[in-house]
């Protein structure tokens, strides 16, 4: 159901932007995406379905689902005769199934990776192979907010309580084609100290594993120091995406508990305001790196195809030579027999 709000031009600076949320089953990916979008003041409409706040039923996401929201109005480009502007549907959130919902987690890895690769391939197919395009030209034409591509600009990777080896490998796969930001969710169920300890552990593990994340222009070692000092401001961000439980009325039944502070407002401000251009630049940089590897692979395949007739001829000559060598003793015996008959 759509929600309409005032000031339809407040989100012009956001422009076209594509986000994704990834992680295990049941960590609250859909809830996180809804929170990120629905509480954004610039949203004038969105197509997230309304939910009953009293229901506790868990509805898993079984496939890739694109959810569109609008922070601005624009002319409908598919109908140039129209004079009235319509919601641009410029902010896209890709919701993904959790890897715990399938027997083989590689199935989910491949599903998300293929989606990202397809967006690269579609854009690359529109770039003429007969014109040499510099990296600078690609940057200037693609680092925009006008919908020049359909790449995923940022992927939130949700973690609860601990970082598992499978999470590390999943982030490794995604980070090749998308900016990855780890997020510690359900922090209402964790103490403040536990969250900062987990932040430091996640950062150290990813660095040791050689997995790249988007650091919001903060040095990785500085992020570790911030986490160890209990300082907010960088990934992994702590986010509350669960309902607060009702505490018992009896004071004796209450357990002293200081939950971590919700960093969702800070995260959203960094992503959609202060760092949005830098995020777009890193997104296009990943496309350029992929495109370079893609061109090298295509060149190697063409060389193999061009050299295949020569290789086939070489193999035939070698086979004929080997056959001739194998037949030589028999021919020699036949020659000797013929000489004996003549004599």
C-alpha atoms as a PDB file:
ATOM      1  CA  UNK A   1       0.000   0.000   0.000  1.00  0.00           C
ATOM      2  CA  UNK A   2       1.343   3.426  -0.899  1.00  0.00           C
ATOM      3  CA  UNK A   3       1.819   6.242   1.560  1.00  0.00           C
ATOM      4  CA  UNK A   4       1.683   9.817   0.277  1.00  0.00           C
ATOM      5  CA  UNK A   5       3.374  12.650   2.122  1.00  0.00           C
ATOM      6  CA  UNK A   6       3.911  16.342   1.624  1.00  0.00           C
ATOM      7  CA  UNK A   7       6.895  18.021  -0.028  1.00  0.00           C
ATOM      8  CA  UNK A   8       7.345  15.773  -3.081  1.00  0.00           C
ATOM      9  CA  UNK A   9      10.653  17.466  -3.993  1.00  0.00           C
ATOM     10  CA  UNK A  10      12.467  16.799  -0.703  1.00  0.00           C
ATOM     11  CA  UNK A  11      14.227  13.696  -2.034  1.00  0.00           C
ATOM     12  CA  UNK A  12      15.614  15.069  -5.301  1.00  0.00           C
ATOM     13  CA  UNK A  13      19.173  14.858  -3.978  1.00  0.00           C
ATOM     14  CA  UNK A  14      18.843  11.113  -3.410  1.00  0.00           C
ATOM     15  CA  UNK A  15      18.067  10.414  -7.054  1.00  0.00           C
ATOM     16  CA  UNK A  16      18.078   6.846  -8.345  1.00  0.00           C
ATOM     17  CA  UNK A  17      19.689   4.497  -5.860  1.00  0.00           C
ATOM     18  CA  UNK A  18      19.566   0.727  -5.411  1.00  0.00           C
ATOM     19  CA  UNK A  19      20.042  -1.125  -2.129  1.00  0.00           C
ATOM     20  CA  UNK A  20      20.009  -4.755  -1.077  1.00  0.00           C
ATOM     21  CA  UNK A  21      19.798  -6.694   2.169  1.00  0.00           C
ATOM     22  CA  UNK A  22      21.439 -10.113   2.571  1.00  0.00           C
ATOM     23  CA  UNK A  23      22.040 -12.617   5.358  1.00  0.00           C
ATOM     24  CA  UNK A  24      20.807 -15.745   7.066  1.00  0.00           C
ATOM     25  CA  UNK A  25      17.149 -16.684   7.419  1.00  0.00           C
ATOM     26  CA  UNK A  26      15.255 -15.081  10.285  1.00  0.00           C
ATOM     27  CA  UNK A  27      17.723 -12.267  10.999  1.00  0.00           C
ATOM     28  CA  UNK A  28      15.152  -9.624  10.064  1.00  0.00           C
ATOM     29  CA  UNK A  29      16.194  -8.620   6.540  1.00  0.00           C
ATOM     30  CA  UNK A  30      12.713  -7.581   5.428  1.00  0.00           C
ATOM     31  CA  UNK A  31      12.059  -5.775   8.716  1.00  0.00           C
ATOM     32  CA  UNK A  32      15.322  -3.890   8.343  1.00  0.00           C
ATOM     33  CA  UNK A  33      14.483  -2.855   4.778  1.00  0.00           C
ATOM     34  CA  UNK A  34      11.031  -1.676   5.817  1.00  0.00           C
ATOM     35  CA  UNK A  35      12.458   0.350   8.694  1.00  0.00           C
ATOM     36  CA  UNK A  36      15.081   1.906   6.463  1.00  0.00           C
ATOM     37  CA  UNK A  37      12.473   3.015   3.928  1.00  0.00           C
ATOM     38  CA  UNK A  38       9.228   3.610   5.795  1.00  0.00           C
ATOM     39  CA  UNK A  39      10.720   5.951   8.385  1.00  0.00           C
ATOM     40  CA  UNK A  40      12.568   8.011   5.769  1.00  0.00           C
ATOM     41  CA  UNK A  41      11.026  11.528   5.748  1.00  0.00           C
ATOM     42  CA  UNK A  42      11.698  12.022   2.027  1.00  0.00           C
ATOM     43  CA  UNK A  43       9.535   9.064   1.000  1.00  0.00           C
ATOM     44  CA  UNK A  44       6.385  10.183  -0.814  1.00  0.00           C
ATOM     45  CA  UNK A  45       5.214   6.703  -1.850  1.00  0.00           C
ATOM     46  CA  UNK A  46       6.297   3.079  -1.681  1.00  0.00           C
ATOM     47  CA  UNK A  47       4.934  -0.336  -2.612  1.00  0.00           C
ATOM     48  CA  UNK A  48       5.693  -2.190   0.615  1.00  0.00           C
ATOM     49  CA  UNK A  49       2.610  -4.094   1.718  1.00  0.00           C
ATOM     50  CA  UNK A  50       1.000  -2.998   4.960  1.00  0.00           C
ATOM     51  CA  UNK A  51       1.421  -5.399   7.871  1.00  0.00           C
ATOM     52  CA  UNK A  52      -0.546  -6.085  11.015  1.00  0.00           C
ATOM     53  CA  UNK A  53       1.535  -4.748  13.940  1.00  0.00           C
ATOM     54  CA  UNK A  54      -0.038  -7.366  16.225  1.00  0.00           C
ATOM     55  CA  UNK A  55       1.031 -10.388  14.207  1.00  0.00           C
ATOM     56  CA  UNK A  56       4.095 -12.398  15.181  1.00  0.00           C
ATOM     57  CA  UNK A  57       4.045 -14.641  12.124  1.00  0.00           C
ATOM     58  CA  UNK A  58       7.375 -14.945  10.328  1.00  0.00           C
ATOM     59  CA  UNK A  59       7.017 -14.662   6.560  1.00  0.00           C
ATOM     60  CA  UNK A  60      10.204 -15.836   4.848  1.00  0.00           C
ATOM     61  CA  UNK A  61      11.392 -14.369   1.551  1.00  0.00           C
ATOM     62  CA  UNK A  62      11.788 -17.219  -0.918  1.00  0.00           C
ATOM     63  CA  UNK A  63      13.044 -15.320  -3.958  1.00  0.00           C
ATOM     64  CA  UNK A  64      14.614 -12.042  -4.999  1.00  0.00           C
ATOM     65  CA  UNK A  65      12.055  -9.277  -4.512  1.00  0.00           C
ATOM     66  CA  UNK A  66      12.454  -5.686  -5.713  1.00  0.00           C
ATOM     67  CA  UNK A  67      10.575  -3.073  -3.703  1.00  0.00           C
ATOM     68  CA  UNK A  68      10.248   0.411  -5.178  1.00  0.00           C
ATOM     69  CA  UNK A  69       9.919   3.692  -3.302  1.00  0.00           C
ATOM     70  CA  UNK A  70       9.781   7.288  -4.468  1.00  0.00           C
ATOM     71  CA  UNK A  71      11.504  10.326  -3.027  1.00  0.00           C
ATOM     72  CA  UNK A  72      10.763  12.567  -6.017  1.00  0.00           C
ATOM     73  CA  UNK A  73       8.389  13.170  -8.908  1.00  0.00           C
ATOM     74  CA  UNK A  74       9.264  13.008 -12.600  1.00  0.00           C
ATOM     75  CA  UNK A  75       7.768  12.975 -16.089  1.00  0.00           C
ATOM     76  CA  UNK A  76       6.832   9.425 -17.174  1.00  0.00           C
ATOM     77  CA  UNK A  77       9.508   8.765 -19.804  1.00  0.00           C
ATOM     78  CA  UNK A  78       7.486   5.994 -21.437  1.00  0.00           C
ATOM     79  CA  UNK A  79       4.734   8.511 -22.217  1.00  0.00           C
ATOM     80  CA  UNK A  80       6.208  11.769 -23.504  1.00  0.00           C
ATOM     81  CA  UNK A  81       2.740  13.179 -24.200  1.00  0.00           C
ATOM     82  CA  UNK A  82       1.919  13.209 -20.485  1.00  0.00           C
ATOM     83  CA  UNK A  83       2.137  16.537 -18.676  1.00  0.00           C
ATOM     84  CA  UNK A  84       1.614  15.390 -15.104  1.00  0.00           C
ATOM     85  CA  UNK A  85       4.508  14.083 -13.050  1.00  0.00           C
ATOM     86  CA  UNK A  86       4.368  10.705 -11.331  1.00  0.00           C
ATOM     87  CA  UNK A  87       6.336   9.134  -8.454  1.00  0.00           C
ATOM     88  CA  UNK A  88       9.767   8.235  -9.835  1.00  0.00           C
ATOM     89  CA  UNK A  89      10.158   4.892  -7.998  1.00  0.00           C
ATOM     90  CA  UNK A  90      13.802   5.853  -7.757  1.00  0.00           C
ATOM     91  CA  UNK A  91      14.764   4.112  -4.521  1.00  0.00           C
ATOM     92  CA  UNK A  92      14.935   0.329  -4.943  1.00  0.00           C
ATOM     93  CA  UNK A  93      15.453  -2.252  -2.210  1.00  0.00           C
ATOM     94  CA  UNK A  94      16.311  -5.817  -3.248  1.00  0.00           C
ATOM     95  CA  UNK A  95      15.126  -8.262  -0.597  1.00  0.00           C
ATOM     96  CA  UNK A  96      16.804 -11.675  -0.736  1.00  0.00           C
ATOM     97  CA  UNK A  97      16.086 -15.139   0.695  1.00  0.00           C
ATOM     98  CA  UNK A  98      18.172 -16.262   3.654  1.00  0.00           C
ATOM     99  CA  UNK A  99      20.744 -18.949   3.005  1.00  0.00           C
ATOM    100  CA  UNK A 100      19.375 -20.977   5.921  1.00  0.00           C
ATOM    101  CA  UNK A 101      16.154 -21.617   3.990  1.00  0.00           C
ATOM    102  CA  UNK A 102      17.862 -23.987   1.540  1.00  0.00           C
ATOM    103  CA  UNK A 103      19.911 -27.156   1.905  1.00  0.00           C
ATOM    104  CA  UNK A 104      22.817 -25.819  -0.153  1.00  0.00           C
ATOM    105  CA  UNK A 105      23.743 -22.223   0.716  1.00  0.00           C
ATOM    106  CA  UNK A 106      25.594 -21.951  -2.594  1.00  0.00           C
ATOM    107  CA  UNK A 107      22.159 -21.768  -4.232  1.00  0.00           C
ATOM    108  CA  UNK A 108      21.549 -18.399  -2.591  1.00  0.00           C
ATOM    109  CA  UNK A 109      25.082 -17.221  -3.282  1.00  0.00           C
ATOM    110  CA  UNK A 110      24.614 -17.938  -6.979  1.00  0.00           C
ATOM    111  CA  UNK A 111      21.147 -16.348  -7.057  1.00  0.00           C
ATOM    112  CA  UNK A 112      22.351 -13.002  -5.714  1.00  0.00           C
ATOM    113  CA  UNK A 113      25.633 -13.090  -7.623  1.00  0.00           C
ATOM    114  CA  UNK A 114      23.861 -13.802 -10.935  1.00  0.00           C
ATOM    115  CA  UNK A 115      21.522 -10.878 -10.351  1.00  0.00           C
ATOM    116  CA  UNK A 116      24.456  -8.517  -9.834  1.00  0.00           C
ATOM    117  CA  UNK A 117      26.374  -9.941 -12.783  1.00  0.00           C
ATOM    118  CA  UNK A 118      23.334  -9.550 -15.014  1.00  0.00           C
ATOM    119  CA  UNK A 119      23.107  -5.830 -14.233  1.00  0.00           C
ATOM    120  CA  UNK A 120      26.765  -5.481 -15.257  1.00  0.00           C
ATOM    121  CA  UNK A 121      26.234  -7.469 -18.449  1.00  0.00           C
ATOM    122  CA  UNK A 122      23.157  -5.449 -19.431  1.00  0.00           C
ATOM    123  CA  UNK A 123      25.009  -2.157 -19.082  1.00  0.00           C
ATOM    124  CA  UNK A 124      28.138  -3.474 -20.796  1.00  0.00           C
ATOM    125  CA  UNK A 125      26.051  -4.651 -23.762  1.00  0.00           C
ATOM    126  CA  UNK A 126      24.914  -1.049 -24.309  1.00  0.00           C
ATOM    127  CA  UNK A 127      28.486   0.228 -24.583  1.00  0.00           C
ATOM    128  CA  UNK A 128      29.687   0.084 -28.178  1.00  0.00           C
ATOM    129  CA  UNK A 129      32.579  -2.372 -28.640  1.00  0.00           C
ATOM    130  CA  UNK A 130      33.794  -0.295 -31.600  1.00  0.00           C
ATOM    131  CA  UNK A 131      34.469   2.827 -29.531  1.00  0.00           C
ATOM    132  CA  UNK A 132      37.185   2.915 -26.902  1.00  0.00           C
ATOM    133  CA  UNK A 133      35.761   4.342 -23.690  1.00  0.00           C
ATOM    134  CA  UNK A 134      38.109   5.494 -20.951  1.00  0.00           C
ATOM    135  CA  UNK A 135      37.531   4.787 -17.275  1.00  0.00           C
ATOM    136  CA  UNK A 136      37.090   8.506 -16.692  1.00  0.00           C
ATOM    137  CA  UNK A 137      34.327   8.701 -19.286  1.00  0.00           C
ATOM    138  CA  UNK A 138      32.557   5.741 -17.702  1.00  0.00           C
ATOM    139  CA  UNK A 139      32.828   7.357 -14.286  1.00  0.00           C
ATOM    140  CA  UNK A 140      31.403  10.667 -15.497  1.00  0.00           C
ATOM    141  CA  UNK A 141      28.516   9.018 -17.331  1.00  0.00           C
ATOM    142  CA  UNK A 142      27.563   6.421 -14.710  1.00  0.00           C
ATOM    143  CA  UNK A 143      28.207   8.175 -11.383  1.00  0.00           C
ATOM    144  CA  UNK A 144      24.894  10.004 -11.466  1.00  0.00           C
ATOM    145  CA  UNK A 145      21.542   9.899  -9.760  1.00  0.00           C
ATOM    146  CA  UNK A 146      19.472   9.840 -12.953  1.00  0.00           C
ATOM    147  CA  UNK A 147      19.198   6.073 -13.339  1.00  0.00           C
ATOM    148  CA  UNK A 148      22.120   5.481 -15.705  1.00  0.00           C
ATOM    149  CA  UNK A 149      22.422   1.867 -14.545  1.00  0.00           C
ATOM    150  CA  UNK A 150      20.732  -0.785 -12.416  1.00  0.00           C
ATOM    151  CA  UNK A 151      23.727  -1.838 -10.329  1.00  0.00           C
ATOM    152  CA  UNK A 152      23.210  -2.500  -6.633  1.00  0.00           C
ATOM    153  CA  UNK A 153      24.925   0.487  -5.031  1.00  0.00           C
ATOM    154  CA  UNK A 154      25.025  -0.876  -1.495  1.00  0.00           C
ATOM    155  CA  UNK A 155      24.351  -4.220   0.163  1.00  0.00           C
ATOM    156  CA  UNK A 156      23.569  -4.455   3.869  1.00  0.00           C
ATOM    157  CA  UNK A 157      24.785  -7.770   5.271  1.00  0.00           C
ATOM    158  CA  UNK A 158      22.889  -8.592   8.470  1.00  0.00           C
ATOM    159  CA  UNK A 159      24.528 -10.445  11.363  1.00  0.00           C
ATOM    160  CA  UNK A 160      23.068 -11.582  14.694  1.00  0.00           C
ATOM    161  CA  UNK A 161      25.183 -12.424  17.771  1.00  0.00           C
ATOM    162  CA  UNK A 162      28.145 -13.866  15.845  1.00  0.00           C
ATOM    163  CA  UNK A 163      29.912 -13.897  12.501  1.00  0.00           C
ATOM    164  CA  UNK A 164      29.900 -17.345  10.908  1.00  0.00           C
ATOM    165  CA  UNK A 165      32.413 -18.615   8.324  1.00  0.00           C
ATOM    166  CA  UNK A 166      29.613 -18.834   5.771  1.00  0.00           C
ATOM    167  CA  UNK A 167      28.922 -15.110   6.298  1.00  0.00           C
ATOM    168  CA  UNK A 168      32.541 -14.319   5.485  1.00  0.00           C
ATOM    169  CA  UNK A 169      32.387 -16.275   2.226  1.00  0.00           C
ATOM    170  CA  UNK A 170      29.030 -14.777   1.270  1.00  0.00           C
ATOM    171  CA  UNK A 171      30.399 -11.260   1.758  1.00  0.00           C
ATOM    172  CA  UNK A 172      33.458 -12.200  -0.272  1.00  0.00           C
ATOM    173  CA  UNK A 173      31.236 -13.184  -3.212  1.00  0.00           C
ATOM    174  CA  UNK A 174      29.085 -10.056  -3.017  1.00  0.00           C
ATOM    175  CA  UNK A 175      31.945  -7.605  -2.473  1.00  0.00           C
ATOM    176  CA  UNK A 176      33.297  -8.234  -5.977  1.00  0.00           C
ATOM    177  CA  UNK A 177      30.292  -6.490  -7.523  1.00  0.00           C
ATOM    178  CA  UNK A 178      28.776  -4.416  -4.738  1.00  0.00           C
ATOM    179  CA  UNK A 179      29.672  -2.242  -1.748  1.00  0.00           C
ATOM    180  CA  UNK A 180      29.064  -4.367   1.359  1.00  0.00           C
ATOM    181  CA  UNK A 181      28.171  -2.883   4.744  1.00  0.00           C
ATOM    182  CA  UNK A 182      27.899  -5.343   7.661  1.00  0.00           C
ATOM    183  CA  UNK A 183      25.061  -4.599  10.070  1.00  0.00           C
ATOM    184  CA  UNK A 184      24.587  -6.118  13.518  1.00  0.00           C
ATOM    185  CA  UNK A 185      20.837  -6.418  13.916  1.00  0.00           C
ATOM    186  CA  UNK A 186      18.475  -7.194  16.792  1.00  0.00           C
ATOM    187  CA  UNK A 187      20.721  -5.240  19.148  1.00  0.00           C
ATOM    188  CA  UNK A 188      17.803  -5.012  21.579  1.00  0.00           C
ATOM    189  CA  UNK A 189      18.696  -8.580  22.508  1.00  0.00           C
ATOM    190  CA  UNK A 190      22.390  -7.824  23.081  1.00  0.00           C
ATOM    191  CA  UNK A 191      24.258  -5.749  25.620  1.00  0.00           C
ATOM    192  CA  UNK A 192      26.133  -2.658  24.549  1.00  0.00           C
ATOM    193  CA  UNK A 193      29.498  -4.244  25.363  1.00  0.00           C
ATOM    194  CA  UNK A 194      28.639  -7.434  23.481  1.00  0.00           C
ATOM    195  CA  UNK A 195      27.772  -5.404  20.388  1.00  0.00           C
ATOM    196  CA  UNK A 196      31.053  -3.482  20.400  1.00  0.00           C
ATOM    197  CA  UNK A 197      32.991  -6.701  20.994  1.00  0.00           C
ATOM    198  CA  UNK A 198      31.221  -8.219  18.000  1.00  0.00           C
ATOM    199  CA  UNK A 199      31.990  -5.131  15.921  1.00  0.00           C
ATOM    200  CA  UNK A 200      35.707  -5.492  16.590  1.00  0.00           C
ATOM    201  CA  UNK A 201      35.621  -9.240  15.953  1.00  0.00           C
ATOM    202  CA  UNK A 202      33.801  -8.802  12.617  1.00  0.00           C
ATOM    203  CA  UNK A 203      36.260  -6.163  11.418  1.00  0.00           C
ATOM    204  CA  UNK A 204      39.321  -8.214  12.378  1.00  0.00           C
ATOM    205  CA  UNK A 205      37.946 -11.418  10.851  1.00  0.00           C
ATOM    206  CA  UNK A 206      37.061  -9.773   7.544  1.00  0.00           C
ATOM    207  CA  UNK A 207      40.464  -8.110   7.302  1.00  0.00           C
ATOM    208  CA  UNK A 208      42.279 -11.385   8.014  1.00  0.00           C
ATOM    209  CA  UNK A 209      40.120 -13.115   5.388  1.00  0.00           C
ATOM    210  CA  UNK A 210      40.823 -10.414   2.805  1.00  0.00           C
ATOM    211  CA  UNK A 211      37.155  -9.461   2.429  1.00  0.00           C
ATOM    212  CA  UNK A 212      36.565  -5.867   1.371  1.00  0.00           C
ATOM    213  CA  UNK A 213      33.736  -3.808   2.879  1.00  0.00           C
ATOM    214  CA  UNK A 214      32.646  -0.228   2.366  1.00  0.00           C
ATOM    215  CA  UNK A 215      34.132   1.745   5.275  1.00  0.00           C
ATOM    216  CA  UNK A 216      32.569   5.178   4.652  1.00  0.00           C
ATOM    217  CA  UNK A 217      36.020   6.715   4.123  1.00  0.00           C
ATOM    218  CA  UNK A 218      37.275   5.538   7.511  1.00  0.00           C
ATOM    219  CA  UNK A 219      40.516   3.568   7.737  1.00  0.00           C
ATOM    220  CA  UNK A 220      39.914  -0.082   8.637  1.00  0.00           C
ATOM    221  CA  UNK A 221      42.294  -0.017  11.604  1.00  0.00           C
ATOM    222  CA  UNK A 222      40.574   3.139  12.813  1.00  0.00           C
ATOM    223  CA  UNK A 223      37.234   1.293  12.716  1.00  0.00           C
ATOM    224  CA  UNK A 224      38.693  -1.459  14.894  1.00  0.00           C
ATOM    225  CA  UNK A 225      39.980   1.109  17.368  1.00  0.00           C
ATOM    226  CA  UNK A 226      36.559   2.794  17.452  1.00  0.00           C
ATOM    227  CA  UNK A 227      34.834  -0.517  18.190  1.00  0.00           C
ATOM    228  CA  UNK A 228      37.293  -1.407  20.946  1.00  0.00           C
ATOM    229  CA  UNK A 229      36.782   2.038  22.487  1.00  0.00           C
ATOM    230  CA  UNK A 230      32.983   1.746  22.329  1.00  0.00           C
ATOM    231  CA  UNK A 231      32.727   4.566  19.805  1.00  0.00           C
ATOM    232  CA  UNK A 232      29.948   4.721  17.222  1.00  0.00           C
ATOM    233  CA  UNK A 233      30.141   6.072  13.700  1.00  0.00           C
ATOM    234  CA  UNK A 234      31.256   3.270  11.395  1.00  0.00           C
ATOM    235  CA  UNK A 235      30.533  -0.270  10.257  1.00  0.00           C
ATOM    236  CA  UNK A 236      29.422  -2.706  11.426  1.00  0.00           C
ATOM    237  CA  UNK A 237      26.410  -0.610  12.422  1.00  0.00           C
ATOM    238  CA  UNK A 238      24.168  -1.686  15.309  1.00  0.00           C
ATOM    239  CA  UNK A 239      20.503  -1.644  14.324  1.00  0.00           C
ATOM    240  CA  UNK A 240      17.334  -2.464  16.224  1.00  0.00           C
ATOM    241  CA  UNK A 241      14.899  -4.265  13.942  1.00  0.00           C
ATOM    242  CA  UNK A 242      12.806  -6.201  16.487  1.00  0.00           C
ATOM    243  CA  UNK A 243       9.976  -5.159  18.768  1.00  0.00           C
ATOM    244  CA  UNK A 244      10.962  -4.404  22.326  1.00  0.00           C
ATOM    245  CA  UNK A 245       9.820  -7.070  24.760  1.00  0.00           C
ATOM    246  CA  UNK A 246       7.582  -6.057  27.632  1.00  0.00           C
ATOM    247  CA  UNK A 247       9.497  -6.141  30.912  1.00  0.00           C
ATOM    248  CA  UNK A 248       7.839  -7.780  33.916  1.00  0.00           C
ATOM    249  CA  UNK A 249       6.214  -5.480  36.440  1.00  0.00           C
ATOM    250  CA  UNK A 250       7.978  -7.126  39.351  1.00  0.00           C
ATOM    251  CA  UNK A 251      11.279  -5.334  39.951  1.00  0.00           C
ATOM    252  CA  UNK A 252      12.766  -8.575  41.266  1.00  0.00           C
ATOM    253  CA  UNK A 253      12.209 -10.287  37.930  1.00  0.00           C
ATOM    254  CA  UNK A 254      14.057  -7.633  35.954  1.00  0.00           C
ATOM    255  CA  UNK A 255      17.642  -8.247  34.865  1.00  0.00           C
ATOM    256  CA  UNK A 256      19.960  -5.218  34.573  1.00  0.00           C
ATOM    257  CA  UNK A 257      20.523  -4.817  30.851  1.00  0.00           C
ATOM    258  CA  UNK A 258      21.905  -1.924  28.815  1.00  0.00           C
ATOM    259  CA  UNK A 259      21.041  -2.453  25.172  1.00  0.00           C
ATOM    260  CA  UNK A 260      23.193  -1.032  22.401  1.00  0.00           C
ATOM    261  CA  UNK A 261      22.051   2.196  20.814  1.00  0.00           C
ATOM    262  CA  UNK A 262      20.249   1.991  17.489  1.00  0.00           C
ATOM    263  CA  UNK A 263      22.483   3.417  14.734  1.00  0.00           C
ATOM    264  CA  UNK A 264      19.891   3.226  11.954  1.00  0.00           C
ATOM    265  CA  UNK A 265      19.378   7.028  11.732  1.00  0.00           C
ATOM    266  CA  UNK A 266      23.149   7.534  11.437  1.00  0.00           C
ATOM    267  CA  UNK A 267      23.488   4.748   8.875  1.00  0.00           C
ATOM    268  CA  UNK A 268      20.694   6.158   6.748  1.00  0.00           C
ATOM    269  CA  UNK A 269      22.162   9.669   6.869  1.00  0.00           C
ATOM    270  CA  UNK A 270      25.574   8.403   5.774  1.00  0.00           C
ATOM    271  CA  UNK A 271      24.160   6.292   2.945  1.00  0.00           C
ATOM    272  CA  UNK A 272      21.600   8.694   1.503  1.00  0.00           C
ATOM    273  CA  UNK A 273      23.216  12.042   2.274  1.00  0.00           C
ATOM    274  CA  UNK A 274      26.862  12.496   3.184  1.00  0.00           C
ATOM    275  CA  UNK A 275      28.409   9.496   1.369  1.00  0.00           C
ATOM    276  CA  UNK A 276      25.989   8.816  -1.481  1.00  0.00           C
ATOM    277  CA  UNK A 277      28.270  10.189  -4.228  1.00  0.00           C
ATOM    278  CA  UNK A 278      31.267   8.266  -2.924  1.00  0.00           C
ATOM    279  CA  UNK A 279      29.189   5.085  -2.787  1.00  0.00           C
ATOM    280  CA  UNK A 280      28.167   5.586  -6.410  1.00  0.00           C
ATOM    281  CA  UNK A 281      31.810   6.072  -7.395  1.00  0.00           C
ATOM    282  CA  UNK A 282      32.859   2.802  -5.764  1.00  0.00           C
ATOM    283  CA  UNK A 283      29.923   1.029  -7.428  1.00  0.00           C
ATOM    284  CA  UNK A 284      31.030   2.150 -10.885  1.00  0.00           C
ATOM    285  CA  UNK A 285      34.633   1.303 -10.017  1.00  0.00           C
ATOM    286  CA  UNK A 286      33.556  -2.293  -9.373  1.00  0.00           C
ATOM    287  CA  UNK A 287      31.799  -2.332 -12.747  1.00  0.00           C
ATOM    288  CA  UNK A 288      34.919  -1.010 -14.485  1.00  0.00           C
ATOM    289  CA  UNK A 289      37.075  -3.681 -12.821  1.00  0.00           C
ATOM    290  CA  UNK A 290      34.573  -6.377 -13.804  1.00  0.00           C
ATOM    291  CA  UNK A 291      34.430  -5.015 -17.365  1.00  0.00           C
ATOM    292  CA  UNK A 292      38.217  -5.126 -17.655  1.00  0.00           C
ATOM    293  CA  UNK A 293      38.305  -8.774 -16.555  1.00  0.00           C
ATOM    294  CA  UNK A 294      35.403  -9.513 -18.900  1.00  0.00           C
ATOM    295  CA  UNK A 295      37.280  -7.990 -21.857  1.00  0.00           C
ATOM    296  CA  UNK A 296      40.423  -9.981 -21.036  1.00  0.00           C
ATOM    297  CA  UNK A 297      38.414 -13.208 -20.911  1.00  0.00           C
ATOM    298  CA  UNK A 298      36.716 -12.418 -24.224  1.00  0.00           C
ATOM    299  CA  UNK A 299      40.092 -11.640 -25.816  1.00  0.00           C
ATOM    300  CA  UNK A 300      41.518 -14.944 -24.611  1.00  0.00           C
ATOM    301  CA  UNK A 301      38.511 -16.825 -25.979  1.00  0.00           C
ATOM    302  CA  UNK A 302      38.877 -15.112 -29.361  1.00  0.00           C
ATOM    303  CA  UNK A 303      42.548 -16.029 -29.473  1.00  0.00           C
ATOM    304  CA  UNK A 304      41.705 -19.638 -28.729  1.00  0.00           C
ATOM    305  CA  UNK A 305      39.063 -19.665 -31.458  1.00  0.00           C
ATOM    306  CA  UNK A 306      41.439 -18.096 -33.972  1.00  0.00           C
ATOM    307  CA  UNK A 307      44.234 -20.493 -33.094  1.00  0.00           C
ATOM    308  CA  UNK A 308      42.009 -23.576 -33.034  1.00  0.00           C
ATOM    309  CA  UNK A 309      42.462 -24.392 -36.780  1.00  0.00           C
ATOM    310  CA  UNK A 310      46.229 -24.242 -36.340  1.00  0.00           C
ATOM    311  CA  UNK A 311      46.008 -26.346 -33.199  1.00  0.00           C
ATOM    312  CA  UNK A 312      43.840 -28.871 -35.019  1.00  0.00           C
ATOM    313  CA  UNK A 313      46.346 -29.055 -37.888  1.00  0.00           C
ATOM    314  CA  UNK A 314      49.230 -29.431 -35.447  1.00  0.00           C
ATOM    315  CA  UNK A 315      47.410 -32.189 -33.609  1.00  0.00           C
ATOM    316  CA  UNK A 316      46.687 -33.945 -36.920  1.00  0.00           C
ATOM    317  CA  UNK A 317      50.326 -33.738 -37.977  1.00  0.00           C
ATOM    318  CA  UNK A 318      51.437 -35.107 -34.622  1.00  0.00           C
ATOM    319  CA  UNK A 319      48.890 -37.905 -34.905  1.00  0.00           C
ATOM    320  CA  UNK A 320      50.021 -38.747 -38.435  1.00  0.00           C
ATOM    321  CA  UNK A 321      53.654 -38.742 -37.347  1.00  0.00           C
ATOM    322  CA  UNK A 322      52.865 -40.990 -34.393  1.00  0.00           C
ATOM    323  CA  UNK A 323      50.864 -43.331 -36.634  1.00  0.00           C
ATOM    324  CA  UNK A 324      53.661 -43.368 -39.172  1.00  0.00           C
ATOM    325  CA  UNK A 325      56.169 -44.278 -36.482  1.00  0.00           C
ATOM    326  CA  UNK A 326      53.920 -47.052 -35.238  1.00  0.00           C
ATOM    327  CA  UNK A 327      53.476 -48.392 -38.789  1.00  0.00           C
ATOM    328  CA  UNK A 328      57.179 -48.147 -39.706  1.00  0.00           C
ATOM    329  CA  UNK A 329      58.205 -51.530 -38.253  1.00  0.00           C
ATOM    330  CA  UNK A 330      55.392 -53.274 -40.142  1.00  0.00           C
ATOM    331  CA  UNK A 331      56.339 -51.533 -43.386  1.00  0.00           C
ATOM    332  CA  UNK A 332      59.937 -52.543 -42.849  1.00  0.00           C
ATOM    333  CA  UNK A 333      58.915 -56.194 -42.437  1.00  0.00           C
ATOM    334  CA  UNK A 334      56.719 -55.972 -45.515  1.00  0.00           C
ATOM    335  CA  UNK A 335      59.633 -54.515 -47.497  1.00  0.00           C
ATOM    336  CA  UNK A 336      61.936 -57.315 -46.361  1.00  0.00           C
ATOM    337  CA  UNK A 337      59.349 -59.932 -47.343  1.00  0.00           C
ATOM    338  CA  UNK A 338      58.939 -58.361 -50.792  1.00  0.00           C
ATOM    339  CA  UNK A 339      62.711 -58.372 -51.318  1.00  0.00           C
ATOM    340  CA  UNK A 340      62.882 -62.042 -50.384  1.00  0.00           C
ATOM    341  CA  UNK A 341      60.108 -62.910 -52.857  1.00  0.00           C
ATOM    342  CA  UNK A 342      61.867 -61.055 -55.671  1.00  0.00           C
ATOM    343  CA  UNK A 343      65.073 -62.912 -55.015  1.00  0.00           C
END
